[in-house]
Amino acid sequence: MKNFGSNLRTAMLALATAGLFASQARAMPLIEPSVERPVVLAAGDCYAIGQQVAAQNGGTLAKASQSTRGGQQVCVIVVLVPGKDGQRPRRSEIVVPMN
């Protein structure tokens, strides 16, 4: 019975390892990405825009997300601006067009 339990444990470990390798193989890209057709990530763009807006307002970027308002793609940026005289930071929400 001890031998059966040991063999079962070894088999389960082997199956789990094989499943892990199989999932990693599926996650790998099958083709090399093309430089001619870059993928544009809107969330990354909003983050970059948010960093600029935060620097302009003298605050810290708290959140940057993409949204649609009035049929137009926009970035909703939340900046925490330091309070005056040691008060807590002020939350400022700024909407910036994507273009």
Protein backbone atom coordinates (compact mmCIF):
# COMPACT_ATOMS: atom_id res chain seq x y z
CA MET A 1 0.00 0.00 0.00
CA LYS A 2 2.90 2.34 0.74
CA ASN A 3 4.30 1.73 -2.72
CA PHE A 4 0.91 2.51 -4.34
CA GLY A 5 0.64 5.83 -2.45
CA SER A 6 4.17 6.77 -3.44
CA ASN A 7 3.51 5.91 -7.09
CA LEU A 8 0.24 7.84 -7.04
CA ARG A 9 1.96 10.90 -5.56
CA THR A 10 4.71 10.70 -8.21
CA ALA A 11 2.14 10.38 -11.00
CA MET A 12 0.16 13.38 -9.72
CA LEU A 13 3.33 15.46 -9.50
CA ALA A 14 4.28 14.48 -13.06
CA LEU A 15 0.80 15.40 -14.35
CA ALA A 16 0.88 18.77 -12.57
CA THR A 17 4.32 19.52 -13.99
CA ALA A 18 3.23 18.53 -17.49
CA GLY A 19 0.17 20.78 -17.17
CA LEU A 20 2.36 23.68 -16.08
CA PHE A 21 4.67 23.25 -19.06
CA ALA A 22 1.71 22.90 -21.43
CA SER A 23 0.13 26.13 -20.16
CA GLN A 24 3.44 27.98 -20.56
CA ALA A 25 3.83 26.66 -24.10
CA ARG A 26 0.39 27.99 -25.03
CA ALA A 27 1.23 31.40 -23.56
CA MET A 28 4.29 31.81 -25.79
CA PRO A 29 3.70 33.71 -29.06
CA LEU A 30 3.66 31.55 -32.16
CA ILE A 31 4.87 34.31 -34.50
CA GLU A 32 7.41 37.04 -34.10
CA PRO A 33 5.74 40.44 -33.50
CA SER A 34 5.99 42.76 -36.48
CA VAL A 35 7.60 46.15 -36.06
CA GLU A 36 5.62 47.42 -39.05
CA ARG A 37 2.27 46.99 -37.25
CA PRO A 38 2.77 48.01 -33.62
CA VAL A 39 0.06 47.22 -31.09
CA VAL A 40 -1.20 50.33 -29.34
CA LEU A 41 -2.21 49.80 -25.72
CA ALA A 42 -4.68 52.44 -24.61
CA ALA A 43 -4.15 51.78 -20.91
CA GLY A 44 -0.42 52.34 -21.38
CA ASP A 45 -1.10 55.57 -23.25
CA CYS A 46 -3.42 56.76 -20.50
CA TYR A 47 -0.77 55.95 -17.92
CA ALA A 48 1.83 58.01 -19.81
CA ILE A 49 -0.64 60.88 -20.19
CA GLY A 50 -1.45 60.57 -16.48
CA GLN A 51 2.22 60.84 -15.55
CA GLN A 52 2.49 64.07 -17.56
CA VAL A 53 -0.70 65.52 -16.05
CA ALA A 54 0.45 64.64 -12.52
CA ALA A 55 3.81 66.32 -13.11
CA GLN A 56 2.11 69.45 -14.48
CA ASN A 57 -0.16 69.65 -11.42
CA GLY A 58 2.61 68.92 -8.92
CA GLY A 59 0.92 65.76 -7.68
CA THR A 60 1.10 61.98 -7.78
CA LEU A 61 -0.73 59.81 -10.30
CA ALA A 62 -3.31 57.69 -8.46
CA LYS A 63 -5.26 56.21 -11.37
CA ALA A 64 -5.34 56.32 -15.17
CA SER A 65 -8.12 54.60 -17.11
CA GLN A 66 -9.66 54.73 -20.56
CA SER A 67 -13.32 55.65 -21.00
CA THR A 68 -15.78 56.74 -23.67
CA ARG A 69 -17.58 60.02 -23.08
CA GLY A 70 -19.81 61.59 -25.69
CA GLY A 71 -18.67 59.00 -28.23
CA GLN A 72 -15.05 60.08 -27.83
CA GLN A 73 -12.22 58.02 -26.32
CA VAL A 74 -10.80 59.80 -23.27
CA CYS A 75 -8.38 59.12 -20.42
CA VAL A 76 -9.71 59.67 -16.92
CA ILE A 77 -6.76 60.72 -14.77
CA VAL A 78 -6.87 60.90 -10.97
CA VAL A 79 -4.09 62.94 -9.37
CA LEU A 80 -3.40 63.40 -5.67
CA VAL A 81 -2.20 66.97 -5.10
CA PRO A 82 -0.50 67.67 -1.74
CA GLY A 83 -2.62 69.66 0.69
CA LYS A 84 -1.65 73.01 2.14
CA ASP A 85 -0.22 73.36 5.66
CA GLY A 86 0.11 69.60 6.22
CA GLN A 87 -3.48 68.79 5.30
CA ARG A 88 -4.28 65.56 3.51
CA PRO A 89 -3.87 65.41 -0.29
CA ARG A 90 -6.58 66.72 -2.58
CA ARG A 91 -8.04 64.31 -5.17
CA SER A 92 -8.30 65.85 -8.63
CA GLU A 93 -9.98 64.04 -11.55
CA ILE A 94 -8.98 65.26 -15.01
CA VAL A 95 -10.46 64.05 -18.31
CA VAL A 96 -8.08 64.22 -21.29
CA PRO A 97 -8.95 63.31 -24.90
CA MET A 98 -6.97 60.34 -26.30
CA ASN A 99 -6.00 62.22 -29.49
